[in-house]
Amino acid sequence: MLDSKGLDILTRTEEHTAKINPENSKKYLATKRRINGLCKSLSTETKDYKPEKTVESIESYIKTKDKMERILYSEISNHLFNLGPEQRVIFLTNVERLLIYSLGNDSITLDAAKIIVKIYDHTQLVNYQIESMNNIFAQRIAEAKVDLHKEIKGVEKEYITILGIFASIILTFVGSFT
């Protein structure tokens, strides 16, 4: 059983906040900034996109000391989820161009090529998730429309029935006067 002292320990954040290393925070922010920059470059119009610049950016990221060991895939996901359909197509086309460029280029380092493949895989997975969600939403909306249409038809029938009853009462009432 959790007593009030145990609850205080669970909700206390000062001890944990003090353990955050400012150096790790710097790495996180630097990596986040780089990934966001990468996403912005991949969002440029396809005719203006230059995969070699993205490769240069990735290779300079690999060489920096203030980086995390892993890519922040959540930043890429967040960027993709916030794009409209047309912008998402541009982004995915540019990622595909980047992958094709990197596969056919021997001057790209192995680490950069691995990152590019991971970015490609991740963007495809996020796109599948978005498309799946859109399909589910469209299906649910179609089902709701059908249900609403059935309900409106039912209300219409009830309205006609009530109107008929009311009309018969009025006719009976008026008929009794004449």
C-alpha atoms as a PDB file:
ATOM      1  CA  MET A   1       0.000   0.000   0.000  1.00  0.00           C
ATOM      2  CA  LEU A   2       1.257   3.442  -0.923  1.00  0.00           C
ATOM      3  CA  ASP A   3       1.252   5.895   1.980  1.00  0.00           C
ATOM      4  CA  SER A   4       1.530   9.693   1.798  1.00  0.00           C
ATOM      5  CA  LYS A   5       5.328   9.549   2.069  1.00  0.00           C
ATOM      6  CA  GLY A   6       5.494   7.131  -0.873  1.00  0.00           C
ATOM      7  CA  LEU A   7       3.164   9.377  -2.851  1.00  0.00           C
ATOM      8  CA  ASP A   8       5.399  12.384  -2.146  1.00  0.00           C
ATOM      9  CA  ILE A   9       8.380  10.444  -3.456  1.00  0.00           C
ATOM     10  CA  LEU A  10       6.510   9.572  -6.655  1.00  0.00           C
ATOM     11  CA  THR A  11       5.411  13.154  -7.357  1.00  0.00           C
ATOM     12  CA  ARG A  12       8.667  14.870  -6.426  1.00  0.00           C
ATOM     13  CA  THR A  13      10.538  16.186  -9.457  1.00  0.00           C
ATOM     14  CA  GLU A  14      13.316  18.301  -7.944  1.00  0.00           C
ATOM     15  CA  GLU A  15      15.584  15.325  -7.351  1.00  0.00           C
ATOM     16  CA  HIS A  16      15.169  14.051 -10.896  1.00  0.00           C
ATOM     17  CA  THR A  17      15.504  17.474 -12.485  1.00  0.00           C
ATOM     18  CA  ALA A  18      18.782  18.040 -10.704  1.00  0.00           C
ATOM     19  CA  LYS A  19      20.168  14.882 -12.353  1.00  0.00           C
ATOM     20  CA  ILE A  20      19.697  16.259 -15.877  1.00  0.00           C
ATOM     21  CA  ASN A  21      23.076  16.917 -17.348  1.00  0.00           C
ATOM     22  CA  PRO A  22      23.201  20.283 -19.190  1.00  0.00           C
ATOM     23  CA  GLU A  23      25.536  18.666 -21.714  1.00  0.00           C
ATOM     24  CA  ASN A  24      22.842  16.100 -22.591  1.00  0.00           C
ATOM     25  CA  SER A  25      20.298  18.893 -22.933  1.00  0.00           C
ATOM     26  CA  LYS A  26      22.658  20.666 -25.340  1.00  0.00           C
ATOM     27  CA  LYS A  27      23.020  17.485 -27.385  1.00  0.00           C
ATOM     28  CA  TYR A  28      19.266  17.019 -27.479  1.00  0.00           C
ATOM     29  CA  LEU A  29      18.585  20.592 -28.608  1.00  0.00           C
ATOM     30  CA  ALA A  30      21.365  20.484 -31.210  1.00  0.00           C
ATOM     31  CA  THR A  31      20.083  17.183 -32.608  1.00  0.00           C
ATOM     32  CA  LYS A  32      16.518  18.462 -32.631  1.00  0.00           C
ATOM     33  CA  ARG A  33      17.597  21.604 -34.486  1.00  0.00           C
ATOM     34  CA  ARG A  34      19.506  19.533 -37.072  1.00  0.00           C
ATOM     35  CA  ILE A  35      16.601  17.148 -37.681  1.00  0.00           C
ATOM     36  CA  ASN A  36      14.176  20.060 -38.069  1.00  0.00           C
ATOM     37  CA  GLY A  37      16.561  21.671 -40.546  1.00  0.00           C
ATOM     38  CA  LEU A  38      16.771  18.394 -42.426  1.00  0.00           C
ATOM     39  CA  CYS A  39      12.977  18.176 -42.547  1.00  0.00           C
ATOM     40  CA  LYS A  40      12.736  21.743 -43.858  1.00  0.00           C
ATOM     41  CA  SER A  41      15.255  21.002 -46.599  1.00  0.00           C
ATOM     42  CA  LEU A  42      13.291  17.877 -47.571  1.00  0.00           C
ATOM     43  CA  SER A  43      10.121  20.007 -47.749  1.00  0.00           C
ATOM     44  CA  THR A  44      11.418  22.282 -50.520  1.00  0.00           C
ATOM     45  CA  GLU A  45       9.824  22.042 -53.940  1.00  0.00           C
ATOM     46  CA  THR A  46      11.005  18.913 -55.739  1.00  0.00           C
ATOM     47  CA  LYS A  47      12.329  20.874 -58.719  1.00  0.00           C
ATOM     48  CA  ASP A  48      14.494  22.961 -56.348  1.00  0.00           C
ATOM     49  CA  TYR A  49      15.584  20.087 -54.104  1.00  0.00           C
ATOM     50  CA  LYS A  50      19.251  19.093 -54.182  1.00  0.00           C
ATOM     51  CA  PRO A  51      19.971  15.732 -52.496  1.00  0.00           C
ATOM     52  CA  GLU A  52      23.693  16.459 -52.345  1.00  0.00           C
ATOM     53  CA  LYS A  53      23.028  19.345 -49.928  1.00  0.00           C
ATOM     54  CA  THR A  54      21.054  17.020 -47.655  1.00  0.00           C
ATOM     55  CA  VAL A  55      23.891  14.482 -47.769  1.00  0.00           C
ATOM     56  CA  GLU A  56      26.341  17.245 -46.814  1.00  0.00           C
ATOM     57  CA  SER A  57      24.086  18.199 -43.914  1.00  0.00           C
ATOM     58  CA  ILE A  58      23.856  14.589 -42.721  1.00  0.00           C
ATOM     59  CA  GLU A  59      27.616  14.089 -42.984  1.00  0.00           C
ATOM     60  CA  SER A  60      28.294  17.310 -41.074  1.00  0.00           C
ATOM     61  CA  TYR A  61      25.814  16.121 -38.437  1.00  0.00           C
ATOM     62  CA  ILE A  62      27.730  12.852 -38.119  1.00  0.00           C
ATOM     63  CA  LYS A  63      30.986  14.759 -37.580  1.00  0.00           C
ATOM     64  CA  THR A  64      29.649  17.102 -34.869  1.00  0.00           C
ATOM     65  CA  LYS A  65      30.420  16.353 -31.249  1.00  0.00           C
ATOM     66  CA  ASP A  66      27.203  17.768 -29.783  1.00  0.00           C
ATOM     67  CA  LYS A  67      24.828  15.206 -31.242  1.00  0.00           C
ATOM     68  CA  MET A  68      22.839  12.323 -29.887  1.00  0.00           C
ATOM     69  CA  GLU A  69      23.761   8.819 -30.964  1.00  0.00           C
ATOM     70  CA  ARG A  70      20.318   8.276 -32.484  1.00  0.00           C
ATOM     71  CA  ILE A  71      18.189  10.326 -34.841  1.00  0.00           C
ATOM     72  CA  LEU A  72      15.102  11.879 -33.298  1.00  0.00           C
ATOM     73  CA  TYR A  73      12.522  10.051 -35.370  1.00  0.00           C
ATOM     74  CA  SER A  74       9.782  11.751 -33.381  1.00  0.00           C
ATOM     75  CA  GLU A  75      10.792  15.082 -34.943  1.00  0.00           C
ATOM     76  CA  ILE A  76      10.475  13.605 -38.427  1.00  0.00           C
ATOM     77  CA  SER A  77       7.104  12.078 -37.510  1.00  0.00           C
ATOM     78  CA  ASN A  78       5.875  15.343 -36.048  1.00  0.00           C
ATOM     79  CA  HIS A  79       6.929  17.206 -39.182  1.00  0.00           C
ATOM     80  CA  LEU A  80       5.171  14.708 -41.474  1.00  0.00           C
ATOM     81  CA  PHE A  81       1.978  14.645 -39.415  1.00  0.00           C
ATOM     82  CA  ASN A  82       1.778  18.433 -39.677  1.00  0.00           C
ATOM     83  CA  LEU A  83       2.120  18.506 -43.465  1.00  0.00           C
ATOM     84  CA  GLY A  84      -0.843  18.688 -45.803  1.00  0.00           C
ATOM     85  CA  PRO A  85      -1.267  15.988 -48.458  1.00  0.00           C
ATOM     86  CA  GLU A  86       0.493  17.971 -51.207  1.00  0.00           C
ATOM     87  CA  GLN A  87       3.430  18.925 -48.976  1.00  0.00           C
ATOM     88  CA  ARG A  88       3.714  15.335 -47.749  1.00  0.00           C
ATOM     89  CA  VAL A  89       3.994  14.119 -51.362  1.00  0.00           C
ATOM     90  CA  ILE A  90       6.795  16.634 -51.954  1.00  0.00           C
ATOM     91  CA  PHE A  91       8.571  15.504 -48.774  1.00  0.00           C
ATOM     92  CA  LEU A  92       8.273  11.806 -49.637  1.00  0.00           C
ATOM     93  CA  THR A  93       9.409  12.406 -53.218  1.00  0.00           C
ATOM     94  CA  ASN A  94      12.478  14.271 -51.961  1.00  0.00           C
ATOM     95  CA  VAL A  95      13.291  11.505 -49.467  1.00  0.00           C
ATOM     96  CA  GLU A  96      13.052   8.974 -52.281  1.00  0.00           C
ATOM     97  CA  ARG A  97      15.326  11.112 -54.467  1.00  0.00           C
ATOM     98  CA  LEU A  98      17.762  11.328 -51.542  1.00  0.00           C
ATOM     99  CA  LEU A  99      17.761   7.542 -51.153  1.00  0.00           C
ATOM    100  CA  ILE A 100      18.304   6.927 -54.883  1.00  0.00           C
ATOM    101  CA  TYR A 101      21.075   9.526 -54.955  1.00  0.00           C
ATOM    102  CA  SER A 102      22.811   7.974 -51.948  1.00  0.00           C
ATOM    103  CA  LEU A 103      22.579   4.419 -53.275  1.00  0.00           C
ATOM    104  CA  GLY A 104      24.237   5.367 -56.522  1.00  0.00           C
ATOM    105  CA  ASN A 105      26.991   7.468 -54.976  1.00  0.00           C
ATOM    106  CA  ASP A 106      30.164   5.809 -53.651  1.00  0.00           C
ATOM    107  CA  SER A 107      31.488   9.045 -52.122  1.00  0.00           C
ATOM    108  CA  ILE A 108      28.832   8.976 -49.377  1.00  0.00           C
ATOM    109  CA  THR A 109      30.031   7.528 -46.076  1.00  0.00           C
ATOM    110  CA  LEU A 110      28.512   4.305 -44.806  1.00  0.00           C
ATOM    111  CA  ASP A 111      27.117   6.067 -41.706  1.00  0.00           C
ATOM    112  CA  ALA A 112      25.394   8.710 -43.839  1.00  0.00           C
ATOM    113  CA  ALA A 113      23.956   6.034 -46.123  1.00  0.00           C
ATOM    114  CA  LYS A 114      22.584   4.152 -43.106  1.00  0.00           C
ATOM    115  CA  ILE A 115      20.941   7.314 -41.786  1.00  0.00           C
ATOM    116  CA  ILE A 116      19.403   8.026 -45.187  1.00  0.00           C
ATOM    117  CA  VAL A 117      17.942   4.507 -45.382  1.00  0.00           C
ATOM    118  CA  LYS A 118      16.567   4.883 -41.849  1.00  0.00           C
ATOM    119  CA  ILE A 119      15.012   8.243 -42.717  1.00  0.00           C
ATOM    120  CA  TYR A 120      13.456   6.718 -45.832  1.00  0.00           C
ATOM    121  CA  ASP A 121      12.057   3.746 -43.903  1.00  0.00           C
ATOM    122  CA  HIS A 122      10.722   5.956 -41.143  1.00  0.00           C
ATOM    123  CA  THR A 123       9.025   8.397 -43.508  1.00  0.00           C
ATOM    124  CA  GLN A 124       7.382   5.517 -45.354  1.00  0.00           C
ATOM    125  CA  LEU A 125       6.097   4.049 -42.087  1.00  0.00           C
ATOM    126  CA  VAL A 126       4.709   7.413 -40.980  1.00  0.00           C
ATOM    127  CA  ASN A 127       3.072   7.868 -44.371  1.00  0.00           C
ATOM    128  CA  TYR A 128       1.415   4.441 -44.071  1.00  0.00           C
ATOM    129  CA  GLN A 129       0.137   5.426 -40.623  1.00  0.00           C
ATOM    130  CA  ILE A 130      -1.270   8.702 -41.943  1.00  0.00           C
ATOM    131  CA  GLU A 131      -2.933   6.991 -44.904  1.00  0.00           C
ATOM    132  CA  SER A 132      -4.360   4.302 -42.634  1.00  0.00           C
ATOM    133  CA  MET A 133      -5.760   6.911 -40.249  1.00  0.00           C
ATOM    134  CA  ASN A 134      -7.262   8.846 -43.158  1.00  0.00           C
ATOM    135  CA  ASN A 135      -8.903   5.669 -44.476  1.00  0.00           C
ATOM    136  CA  ILE A 136     -10.300   4.845 -41.039  1.00  0.00           C
ATOM    137  CA  PHE A 137     -11.648   8.396 -40.648  1.00  0.00           C
ATOM    138  CA  ALA A 138     -13.221   8.297 -44.116  1.00  0.00           C
ATOM    139  CA  GLN A 139     -14.831   4.939 -43.352  1.00  0.00           C
ATOM    140  CA  ARG A 140     -16.165   6.175 -39.997  1.00  0.00           C
ATOM    141  CA  ILE A 141     -17.551   9.335 -41.601  1.00  0.00           C
ATOM    142  CA  ALA A 142     -19.285   7.288 -44.306  1.00  0.00           C
ATOM    143  CA  GLU A 143     -20.791   5.016 -41.636  1.00  0.00           C
ATOM    144  CA  ALA A 144     -21.931   8.045 -39.623  1.00  0.00           C
ATOM    145  CA  LYS A 145     -23.592   9.524 -42.725  1.00  0.00           C
ATOM    146  CA  VAL A 146     -25.496   6.281 -43.344  1.00  0.00           C
ATOM    147  CA  ASP A 147     -26.568   6.133 -39.681  1.00  0.00           C
ATOM    148  CA  LEU A 148     -27.638   9.778 -39.751  1.00  0.00           C
ATOM    149  CA  HIS A 149     -29.594   9.228 -42.958  1.00  0.00           C
ATOM    150  CA  LYS A 150     -31.427   6.269 -41.370  1.00  0.00           C
ATOM    151  CA  GLU A 151     -32.154   8.329 -38.275  1.00  0.00           C
ATOM    152  CA  ILE A 152     -33.498  11.224 -40.353  1.00  0.00           C
ATOM    153  CA  LYS A 153     -35.781   8.824 -42.234  1.00  0.00           C
ATOM    154  CA  GLY A 154     -37.049   7.490 -38.889  1.00  0.00           C
ATOM    155  CA  VAL A 155     -37.696  11.013 -37.593  1.00  0.00           C
ATOM    156  CA  GLU A 156     -39.444  11.856 -40.871  1.00  0.00           C
ATOM    157  CA  LYS A 157     -41.796   8.883 -40.434  1.00  0.00           C
ATOM    158  CA  GLU A 158     -42.532   9.876 -36.833  1.00  0.00           C
ATOM    159  CA  TYR A 159     -43.161  13.478 -37.893  1.00  0.00           C
ATOM    160  CA  ILE A 160     -45.601  12.363 -40.605  1.00  0.00           C
ATOM    161  CA  THR A 161     -47.374  10.093 -38.120  1.00  0.00           C
ATOM    162  CA  ILE A 162     -47.701  12.887 -35.554  1.00  0.00           C
ATOM    163  CA  LEU A 163     -48.873  15.295 -38.256  1.00  0.00           C
ATOM    164  CA  GLY A 164     -51.493  12.773 -39.403  1.00  0.00           C
ATOM    165  CA  ILE A 165     -52.771  12.287 -35.849  1.00  0.00           C
ATOM    166  CA  PHE A 166     -52.903  16.043 -35.308  1.00  0.00           C
ATOM    167  CA  ALA A 167     -54.753  16.535 -38.616  1.00  0.00           C
ATOM    168  CA  SER A 168     -57.319  13.873 -37.702  1.00  0.00           C
ATOM    169  CA  ILE A 169     -57.915  15.519 -34.296  1.00  0.00           C
ATOM    170  CA  ILE A 170     -58.417  18.907 -35.977  1.00  0.00           C
ATOM    171  CA  LEU A 171     -60.789  17.381 -38.547  1.00  0.00           C
ATOM    172  CA  THR A 172     -62.774  15.688 -35.806  1.00  0.00           C
ATOM    173  CA  PHE A 173     -62.920  18.903 -33.786  1.00  0.00           C
ATOM    174  CA  VAL A 174     -63.935  21.038 -36.789  1.00  0.00           C
ATOM    175  CA  GLY A 175     -66.349  18.333 -37.981  1.00  0.00           C
ATOM    176  CA  SER A 176     -68.145  18.426 -34.626  1.00  0.00           C
ATOM    177  CA  PHE A 177     -68.856  22.169 -35.087  1.00  0.00           C
ATOM    178  CA  THR A 178     -70.329  21.730 -38.509  1.00  0.00           C
END
